[in-house]
């Protein structure tokens, strides 16, 4: 009987761990719905149709991500000190959902841009707390799989959301697509809030203005330490340039297709879904490869794939070649940089400062918006092909810095 009870406890413990892991990963499914429907597909088309300019869109995106980049390091540090990571994740998720709803009700471009900026800011801030929960749901040797699972489910979320958004667009109008996107983001976030435990920290403190000042000073101190730690310095620098290229590719992919090749919207949606299905498959592959061969190698391989993708897409003169390059090297790059990058940072960061370092990780991710702005300027002045080829510069620089940071020396404490 004791053996049976022990077996049941073991099975229950295993079920609980699995439920926790998939509930966490499902948040990637949820937030990628927002990213795909609002950031990548429908809002860019909606705004550019209203204003007939690419620069407005580039400025709005850059403003939101830079604003988030200035705040997210402190948010990550705050979660380390207060032990309320899930609470902050809930707040930023609800804010993002609320502002996304607003996109369905405002009709003036100026109000739309402001609401879009606030929605983007809340979205980017939420990712800090979400990533900081990764050590809660998986042991070190399985974090590559967990990260890849989240990445894969994220792209699966796109396959689910875009056809539904297309139906809403067809029957009710494009502005109501954002209402659906916000609702889906909220619904599929609920399992995380229900079943993922809070991240435990030693001696948690209450949030206050004094902590705000103290943690910002600590962030600056941490930045100083990073400059003396070669693997971390090159990781953050490489990640900055890689994400510069990734953000540009994600944000302008649909508009590039529409303006350069001009397929019907139905075909445009099918191509976009095909890319995300391939990225969904590559997300699991990248997770396996990251655990098997190491996060550093797979992160570098993803950056090189990104470089090849920009070159191939920029030189593509027919739609079939463009699609083939997107579905292979492009899809692997999109999946690999997130999957391997998250685990690489956990390997390098002190265990008691994971939130702080993910805040800095998101800083390099969110301020990497110059490429998107440059793309809009080049597209308006020289055409979309030249604008796309410019993505080779940040992706190439990112690969160089990641190669330089291939050492395996780790930090052991936040004070090292």
Protein backbone atom coordinates (compact mmCIF):
# COMPACT_ATOMS: atom_id res chain seq x y z
CA UNK A 1 0.00 0.00 0.00
CA UNK A 2 2.84 2.34 0.82
CA UNK A 3 4.36 1.58 -2.55
CA UNK A 4 1.06 2.41 -4.26
CA UNK A 5 0.73 5.71 -2.39
CA UNK A 6 4.31 6.61 -3.29
CA UNK A 7 3.63 5.83 -6.94
CA UNK A 8 0.50 7.99 -6.90
CA UNK A 9 2.41 10.87 -5.33
CA UNK A 10 5.09 10.49 -7.98
CA UNK A 11 2.51 10.51 -10.78
CA UNK A 12 0.76 13.52 -9.28
CA UNK A 13 4.07 15.37 -8.93
CA UNK A 14 4.93 14.57 -12.55
CA UNK A 15 1.48 15.70 -13.72
CA UNK A 16 1.82 18.93 -11.75
CA UNK A 17 5.23 19.69 -13.29
CA UNK A 18 3.88 19.00 -16.78
CA UNK A 19 0.83 21.19 -16.16
CA UNK A 20 3.07 23.99 -14.88
CA UNK A 21 5.38 23.76 -17.88
CA UNK A 22 2.63 23.76 -20.52
CA UNK A 23 0.70 26.51 -18.73
CA UNK A 24 3.83 28.67 -18.86
CA UNK A 25 4.50 27.83 -22.51
CA UNK A 26 0.89 28.58 -23.42
CA UNK A 27 1.53 32.22 -22.55
CA UNK A 28 3.84 32.28 -25.58
CA UNK A 29 0.84 31.06 -27.57
CA UNK A 30 -1.19 33.95 -26.10
CA UNK A 31 1.26 36.82 -26.49
CA UNK A 32 2.27 35.79 -30.00
CA UNK A 33 -1.37 36.26 -31.01
CA UNK A 34 -0.95 39.92 -30.07
CA UNK A 35 2.44 40.10 -31.76
CA UNK A 36 1.19 38.55 -35.02
CA UNK A 37 -2.26 40.11 -35.33
CA UNK A 38 -1.43 43.58 -34.00
CA UNK A 39 2.30 44.16 -34.48
CA UNK A 40 3.02 42.20 -37.64
CA UNK A 41 -0.09 41.80 -39.76
CA UNK A 42 -3.21 43.89 -39.30
CA UNK A 43 -2.20 47.11 -37.55
CA UNK A 44 0.65 47.91 -39.99
CA UNK A 45 -1.75 47.47 -42.91
CA UNK A 46 -4.50 49.36 -41.07
CA UNK A 47 -2.32 52.38 -40.23
CA UNK A 48 -0.49 52.61 -43.55
CA UNK A 49 -3.83 52.47 -45.38
CA UNK A 50 -5.06 55.36 -43.23
CA UNK A 51 -1.95 57.56 -43.45
CA UNK A 52 -0.34 56.33 -46.73
CA UNK A 53 3.11 56.63 -45.10
CA UNK A 54 5.62 54.10 -43.79
CA UNK A 55 7.42 56.57 -41.52
CA UNK A 56 4.46 56.99 -39.14
CA UNK A 57 4.46 53.27 -38.50
CA UNK A 58 8.23 53.17 -38.03
CA UNK A 59 8.14 56.05 -35.53
CA UNK A 60 5.28 54.52 -33.53
CA UNK A 61 7.01 51.14 -33.27
CA UNK A 62 10.37 52.66 -32.38
CA UNK A 63 8.85 54.95 -29.75
CA UNK A 64 7.05 52.10 -28.00
CA UNK A 65 10.03 49.77 -27.89
CA UNK A 66 12.52 52.45 -26.79
CA UNK A 67 10.18 53.50 -23.99
CA UNK A 68 9.85 49.88 -22.88
CA UNK A 69 13.61 49.42 -23.12
CA UNK A 70 14.20 52.26 -20.67
CA UNK A 71 11.88 50.72 -18.08
CA UNK A 72 12.23 46.94 -18.38
CA UNK A 73 15.62 46.61 -16.63
CA UNK A 74 14.12 48.12 -13.49
CA UNK A 75 11.02 45.94 -13.84
CA UNK A 76 13.18 42.83 -13.95
CA UNK A 77 15.16 43.95 -10.91
CA UNK A 78 11.91 44.76 -9.10
CA UNK A 79 10.66 41.20 -9.62
CA UNK A 80 13.93 39.90 -8.11
CA UNK A 81 13.43 41.96 -4.95
CA UNK A 82 9.68 41.74 -4.35
CA UNK A 83 8.91 38.15 -5.38
CA UNK A 84 5.79 39.28 -7.22
CA UNK A 85 6.70 38.34 -10.77
CA UNK A 86 3.27 36.86 -11.55
CA UNK A 87 1.50 39.92 -10.14
CA UNK A 88 3.45 42.25 -12.41
CA UNK A 89 2.86 39.91 -15.34
CA UNK A 90 -0.88 40.02 -14.69
CA UNK A 91 -0.91 43.83 -14.54
CA UNK A 92 1.06 44.34 -17.76
CA UNK A 93 -1.00 41.67 -19.56
CA UNK A 94 -4.30 43.35 -18.59
CA UNK A 95 -2.95 46.75 -19.67
CA UNK A 96 -1.91 45.35 -23.05
CA UNK A 97 -5.30 43.71 -23.53
CA UNK A 98 -7.11 46.94 -22.61
CA UNK A 99 -5.12 49.11 -25.00
CA UNK A 100 -5.55 46.49 -27.74
CA UNK A 101 -9.31 46.78 -27.29
CA UNK A 102 -8.89 50.53 -27.73
CA UNK A 103 -7.54 50.04 -31.25
CA UNK A 104 -10.99 48.81 -32.26
CA UNK A 105 -12.74 51.95 -31.06
CA UNK A 106 -10.46 54.85 -31.99
CA UNK A 107 -10.59 56.05 -35.60
CA UNK A 108 -8.26 59.07 -35.66
CA UNK A 109 -4.66 58.19 -36.62
CA UNK A 110 -3.14 60.21 -33.74
CA UNK A 111 -5.24 58.38 -31.12
CA UNK A 112 -4.54 55.06 -32.80
CA UNK A 113 -0.79 55.65 -32.70
CA UNK A 114 -0.85 56.63 -29.00
CA UNK A 115 -2.98 53.61 -28.09
CA UNK A 116 -0.78 51.33 -30.18
CA UNK A 117 2.31 52.73 -28.44
CA UNK A 118 0.83 52.00 -24.99
CA UNK A 119 -0.25 48.50 -26.02
CA UNK A 120 3.24 47.76 -27.34
CA UNK A 121 4.86 49.13 -24.18
CA UNK A 122 2.69 46.89 -21.96
CA UNK A 123 3.37 43.89 -24.20
CA UNK A 124 7.14 44.36 -24.09
CA UNK A 125 7.10 44.89 -20.31
CA UNK A 126 5.11 41.67 -19.78
CA UNK A 127 7.79 39.60 -21.52
CA UNK A 128 10.33 40.46 -18.79
CA UNK A 129 8.20 38.80 -16.12
CA UNK A 130 7.22 35.90 -18.36
CA UNK A 131 10.85 35.05 -19.17
CA UNK A 132 11.83 35.41 -15.50
CA UNK A 133 9.46 32.52 -14.68
CA UNK A 134 11.37 30.06 -16.90
CA UNK A 135 13.58 28.76 -14.04
CA UNK A 136 10.37 28.06 -12.06
CA UNK A 137 8.95 25.67 -14.66
CA UNK A 138 12.04 23.73 -15.79
CA UNK A 139 15.36 22.48 -14.44
CA UNK A 140 18.53 23.67 -16.14
CA UNK A 141 18.92 20.60 -18.34
CA UNK A 142 15.35 20.99 -19.66
CA UNK A 143 15.22 24.75 -20.11
CA UNK A 144 16.10 24.50 -23.78
CA UNK A 145 13.11 22.21 -24.30
CA UNK A 146 10.86 24.50 -22.25
CA UNK A 147 11.99 27.57 -24.17
CA UNK A 148 11.55 25.75 -27.49
CA UNK A 149 8.10 24.57 -26.42
CA UNK A 150 7.10 28.15 -25.73
CA UNK A 151 8.54 29.32 -29.04
CA UNK A 152 6.77 26.54 -30.94
CA UNK A 153 3.42 27.16 -29.25
CA UNK A 154 3.87 30.86 -29.96
CA UNK A 155 4.00 30.24 -33.69
CA UNK A 156 1.11 27.80 -33.36
CA UNK A 157 -0.82 30.70 -31.85
CA UNK A 158 -0.28 32.60 -35.08
CA UNK A 159 -1.71 29.69 -37.09
CA UNK A 160 -4.76 29.80 -34.85
CA UNK A 161 -5.27 33.57 -34.68
CA UNK A 162 -4.66 34.82 -38.22
CA UNK A 163 -7.41 32.76 -39.95
CA UNK A 164 -9.83 33.80 -37.21
CA UNK A 165 -8.78 37.43 -37.59
CA UNK A 166 -9.29 37.13 -41.35
CA UNK A 167 -12.87 35.99 -40.80
CA UNK A 168 -13.52 38.92 -38.45
CA UNK A 169 -11.95 41.28 -41.00
CA UNK A 170 -14.13 39.89 -43.78
CA UNK A 171 -17.45 39.98 -41.92
CA UNK A 172 -17.13 42.87 -39.46
CA UNK A 173 -14.25 45.05 -40.66
CA UNK A 174 -10.53 45.34 -39.87
CA UNK A 175 -10.89 47.53 -36.80
CA UNK A 176 -12.68 44.74 -34.87
CA UNK A 177 -9.78 42.35 -35.43
CA UNK A 178 -8.02 44.01 -32.50
CA UNK A 179 -10.93 43.26 -30.17
CA UNK A 180 -10.58 39.58 -31.01
CA UNK A 181 -6.79 39.67 -30.59
CA UNK A 182 -7.04 41.20 -27.13
CA UNK A 183 -9.67 38.68 -26.05
CA UNK A 184 -7.58 35.71 -27.21
CA UNK A 185 -4.48 37.10 -25.50
CA UNK A 186 -6.39 37.26 -22.23
CA UNK A 187 -8.07 33.85 -22.51
CA UNK A 188 -4.90 31.89 -23.24
CA UNK A 189 -2.97 33.72 -20.51
CA UNK A 190 -5.25 32.36 -17.81
CA UNK A 191 -3.57 28.91 -17.39
CA UNK A 192 -0.30 30.58 -16.42
CA UNK A 193 -1.98 32.68 -13.76
CA UNK A 194 -3.86 29.64 -12.48
CA UNK A 195 -1.18 26.94 -12.40
CA UNK A 196 2.33 28.42 -12.57
CA UNK A 197 3.69 29.10 -9.06
CA UNK A 198 5.17 32.42 -8.07
CA UNK A 199 8.91 32.80 -8.35
CA UNK A 200 10.47 32.55 -4.90
CA UNK A 201 13.07 35.10 -3.81
CA UNK A 202 15.02 35.46 -0.59
CA UNK A 203 13.87 38.23 1.76
CA UNK A 204 11.19 39.75 -0.51
CA UNK A 205 10.58 43.48 -0.16
CA UNK A 206 7.53 45.62 -0.86
CA UNK A 207 7.48 47.80 -3.97
CA UNK A 208 8.28 51.45 -3.20
CA UNK A 209 9.84 54.55 -4.71
CA UNK A 210 13.01 53.92 -2.69
CA UNK A 211 13.34 50.47 -4.28
CA UNK A 212 12.77 52.07 -7.68
CA UNK A 213 15.75 54.40 -7.15
CA UNK A 214 17.89 51.70 -5.55
CA UNK A 215 17.25 49.15 -8.28
CA UNK A 216 17.92 51.63 -11.07
CA UNK A 217 21.29 52.35 -9.47
CA UNK A 218 21.89 48.61 -9.23
CA UNK A 219 21.02 48.19 -12.91
CA UNK A 220 23.66 50.79 -13.77
CA UNK A 221 26.14 48.95 -11.55
CA UNK A 222 25.27 45.68 -13.25
CA UNK A 223 25.87 47.27 -16.65
CA UNK A 224 29.33 48.24 -15.42
CA UNK A 225 30.02 44.65 -14.31
CA UNK A 226 28.88 43.30 -17.66
CA UNK A 227 31.55 45.34 -19.46
CA UNK A 228 34.14 43.37 -17.47
CA UNK A 229 32.58 39.97 -18.21
CA UNK A 230 33.44 38.96 -21.77
CA UNK A 231 30.73 36.29 -22.37
CA UNK A 232 27.95 38.52 -21.05
CA UNK A 233 29.20 41.63 -22.84
CA UNK A 234 29.33 39.91 -26.21
CA UNK A 235 26.06 38.09 -25.54
CA UNK A 236 24.16 41.33 -24.91
CA UNK A 237 25.88 43.13 -27.78
CA UNK A 238 25.27 40.26 -30.17
CA UNK A 239 21.68 39.92 -29.02
CA UNK A 240 21.13 43.63 -29.64
CA UNK A 241 22.18 43.38 -33.28
CA UNK A 242 20.44 40.05 -33.89
CA UNK A 243 17.18 41.38 -32.48
CA UNK A 244 17.64 44.55 -34.53
CA UNK A 245 17.41 42.34 -37.60
CA UNK A 246 14.67 40.08 -36.21
CA UNK A 247 12.40 42.96 -35.20
CA UNK A 248 12.80 44.50 -38.64
CA UNK A 249 12.04 41.21 -40.40
CA UNK A 250 8.98 40.47 -38.26
CA UNK A 251 7.49 43.91 -38.51
CA UNK A 252 7.96 44.51 -42.25
CA UNK A 253 7.50 40.98 -43.63
CA UNK A 254 3.82 41.33 -44.54
CA UNK A 255 4.14 44.87 -45.87
CA UNK A 256 7.16 43.86 -48.00
CA UNK A 257 5.20 40.95 -49.48
CA UNK A 258 2.19 43.15 -50.18
CA UNK A 259 4.14 46.01 -51.76
CA UNK A 260 6.80 44.07 -53.73
CA UNK A 261 4.94 40.96 -54.91
CA UNK A 262 1.34 42.10 -54.45
CA UNK A 263 -0.39 38.76 -53.83
CA UNK A 264 -4.12 38.73 -52.98
CA UNK A 265 -4.82 39.00 -49.24
CA UNK A 266 -5.85 35.34 -49.14
CA UNK A 267 -2.44 34.28 -50.49
CA UNK A 268 -0.72 36.77 -48.19
CA UNK A 269 -2.35 35.12 -45.21
CA UNK A 270 -1.44 31.62 -46.42
CA UNK A 271 2.22 32.62 -46.83
CA UNK A 272 2.27 34.19 -43.38
CA UNK A 273 0.69 31.08 -41.86
CA UNK A 274 3.15 28.85 -43.71
CA UNK A 275 6.09 30.80 -42.28
CA UNK A 276 4.71 30.48 -38.78
CA UNK A 277 4.00 26.76 -39.19
CA UNK A 278 7.62 26.22 -40.19
CA UNK A 279 8.77 28.34 -37.25
CA UNK A 280 6.50 26.24 -35.00
CA UNK A 281 8.30 23.06 -36.12
CA UNK A 282 11.72 24.68 -35.89
CA UNK A 283 10.91 25.86 -32.35
CA UNK A 284 10.85 22.26 -31.11
CA UNK A 285 13.91 21.40 -33.18
CA UNK A 286 15.81 24.39 -31.77
CA UNK A 287 14.87 23.36 -28.24
CA UNK A 288 16.25 19.85 -28.80
CA UNK A 289 19.41 21.15 -30.47
CA UNK A 290 19.95 23.72 -27.71
CA UNK A 291 19.88 21.05 -24.98
CA UNK A 292 21.97 18.67 -27.10
CA UNK A 293 24.68 20.95 -28.50
CA UNK A 294 24.54 24.02 -26.28
CA UNK A 295 22.72 27.33 -26.38
CA UNK A 296 25.74 29.29 -27.61
CA UNK A 297 26.20 27.20 -30.77
CA UNK A 298 22.51 27.24 -31.69
CA UNK A 299 22.21 30.97 -31.01
CA UNK A 300 25.16 31.62 -33.33
CA UNK A 301 23.75 29.27 -35.98
CA UNK A 302 20.43 31.12 -35.80
CA UNK A 303 22.16 34.46 -36.32
CA UNK A 304 23.97 33.12 -39.38
CA UNK A 305 20.68 31.78 -40.73
CA UNK A 306 19.22 35.25 -40.29
CA UNK A 307 22.07 36.76 -42.32
CA UNK A 308 21.51 34.22 -45.13
CA UNK A 309 17.79 34.95 -45.03
CA UNK A 310 18.18 38.70 -45.56
CA UNK A 311 20.56 38.11 -48.46
CA UNK A 312 18.28 35.52 -50.07
CA UNK A 313 15.09 37.53 -49.64
CA UNK A 314 16.63 40.76 -50.84
CA UNK A 315 17.88 39.11 -54.03
CA UNK A 316 14.69 37.11 -54.67
CA UNK A 317 12.95 38.23 -57.85
CA UNK A 318 10.10 35.74 -57.79
CA UNK A 319 7.64 34.88 -55.06
CA UNK A 320 8.45 31.15 -54.94
CA UNK A 321 12.13 31.77 -54.14
CA UNK A 322 11.13 34.32 -51.52
CA UNK A 323 8.78 31.83 -49.88
CA UNK A 324 11.34 29.00 -49.94
CA UNK A 325 14.00 31.13 -48.21
CA UNK A 326 11.47 32.38 -45.66
CA UNK A 327 10.20 28.91 -44.78
CA UNK A 328 13.67 27.39 -44.29
CA UNK A 329 16.50 29.64 -43.10
CA UNK A 330 14.12 32.40 -42.05
CA UNK A 331 11.85 30.15 -39.97
CA UNK A 332 14.81 28.49 -38.25
CA UNK A 333 16.34 31.87 -37.44
CA UNK A 334 13.11 33.20 -35.93
CA UNK A 335 12.69 30.12 -33.74
CA UNK A 336 16.33 29.70 -32.79
CA UNK A 337 17.16 33.21 -31.58
CA UNK A 338 14.39 33.09 -28.94
CA UNK A 339 14.85 29.48 -27.91
CA UNK A 340 18.64 29.47 -27.56
CA UNK A 341 18.90 33.09 -26.40
CA UNK A 342 16.72 32.61 -23.32
CA UNK A 343 18.65 29.57 -22.14
CA UNK A 344 22.01 31.20 -22.86
CA UNK A 345 21.13 34.11 -20.60
CA UNK A 346 20.04 31.81 -17.74
CA UNK A 347 23.42 30.06 -18.06
CA UNK A 348 25.26 33.37 -17.79
CA UNK A 349 23.13 35.21 -15.21
CA UNK A 350 23.45 34.87 -11.42
CA UNK A 351 20.58 32.71 -10.07
CA UNK A 352 19.49 35.45 -7.65
CA UNK A 353 19.25 38.09 -10.38
CA UNK A 354 17.48 36.30 -13.23
CA UNK A 355 14.75 38.93 -13.44
CA UNK A 356 17.28 41.76 -13.50
CA UNK A 357 19.27 40.15 -16.29
CA UNK A 358 16.15 39.36 -18.28
CA UNK A 359 15.33 43.04 -17.86
CA UNK A 360 18.66 43.87 -19.48
CA UNK A 361 18.03 41.17 -22.10
CA UNK A 362 14.76 42.87 -22.94
CA UNK A 363 16.54 46.21 -22.95
CA UNK A 364 18.80 45.02 -25.76
CA UNK A 365 15.75 43.52 -27.45
CA UNK A 366 13.52 46.58 -27.16
CA UNK A 367 15.96 49.35 -28.01
CA UNK A 368 16.95 47.42 -31.11
CA UNK A 369 14.47 49.36 -33.23
CA UNK A 370 16.80 51.50 -35.28
CA UNK A 371 16.65 48.93 -38.07
CA UNK A 372 12.87 49.18 -38.32
CA UNK A 373 13.06 52.96 -38.55
CA UNK A 374 15.91 52.81 -41.08
CA UNK A 375 13.89 50.29 -43.09
CA UNK A 376 10.96 52.72 -43.33
CA UNK A 377 13.24 55.55 -44.46
CA UNK A 378 15.06 53.42 -47.05
CA UNK A 379 11.78 51.96 -48.30
CA UNK A 380 10.31 55.42 -48.86
CA UNK A 381 13.45 56.72 -50.57
CA UNK A 382 15.13 53.80 -52.36
CA UNK A 383 12.56 51.00 -52.43
CA UNK A 384 11.80 47.91 -50.40
CA UNK A 385 14.55 45.67 -51.79
CA UNK A 386 17.36 47.98 -50.67
CA UNK A 387 15.63 48.36 -47.31
CA UNK A 388 15.50 44.59 -46.87
CA UNK A 389 19.15 44.04 -47.82
CA UNK A 390 20.13 46.53 -45.10
CA UNK A 391 19.13 43.86 -42.57
CA UNK A 392 22.34 41.99 -43.42
CA UNK A 393 24.35 44.57 -41.49
CA UNK A 394 22.87 44.03 -37.98
CA UNK A 395 22.52 40.27 -38.45
CA UNK A 396 26.16 40.01 -39.55
CA UNK A 397 27.37 42.14 -36.63
CA UNK A 398 25.28 40.05 -34.24
CA UNK A 399 26.86 36.82 -35.49
CA UNK A 400 30.35 38.28 -35.05
CA UNK A 401 29.73 39.33 -31.44
CA UNK A 402 28.10 36.01 -30.55
CA UNK A 403 31.12 34.19 -31.97
CA UNK A 404 33.44 36.39 -29.90
CA UNK A 405 31.41 35.55 -26.77
CA UNK A 406 31.66 31.79 -27.16
CA UNK A 407 33.51 31.33 -23.82
CA UNK A 408 31.65 29.37 -21.16
CA UNK A 409 32.70 31.32 -18.05
CA UNK A 410 29.64 32.07 -15.92
CA UNK A 411 28.74 34.50 -13.18
CA UNK A 412 28.17 32.83 -9.83
CA UNK A 413 26.60 35.65 -7.86
CA UNK A 414 25.10 39.05 -8.46
CA UNK A 415 28.06 40.66 -6.85
CA UNK A 416 30.74 39.02 -8.98
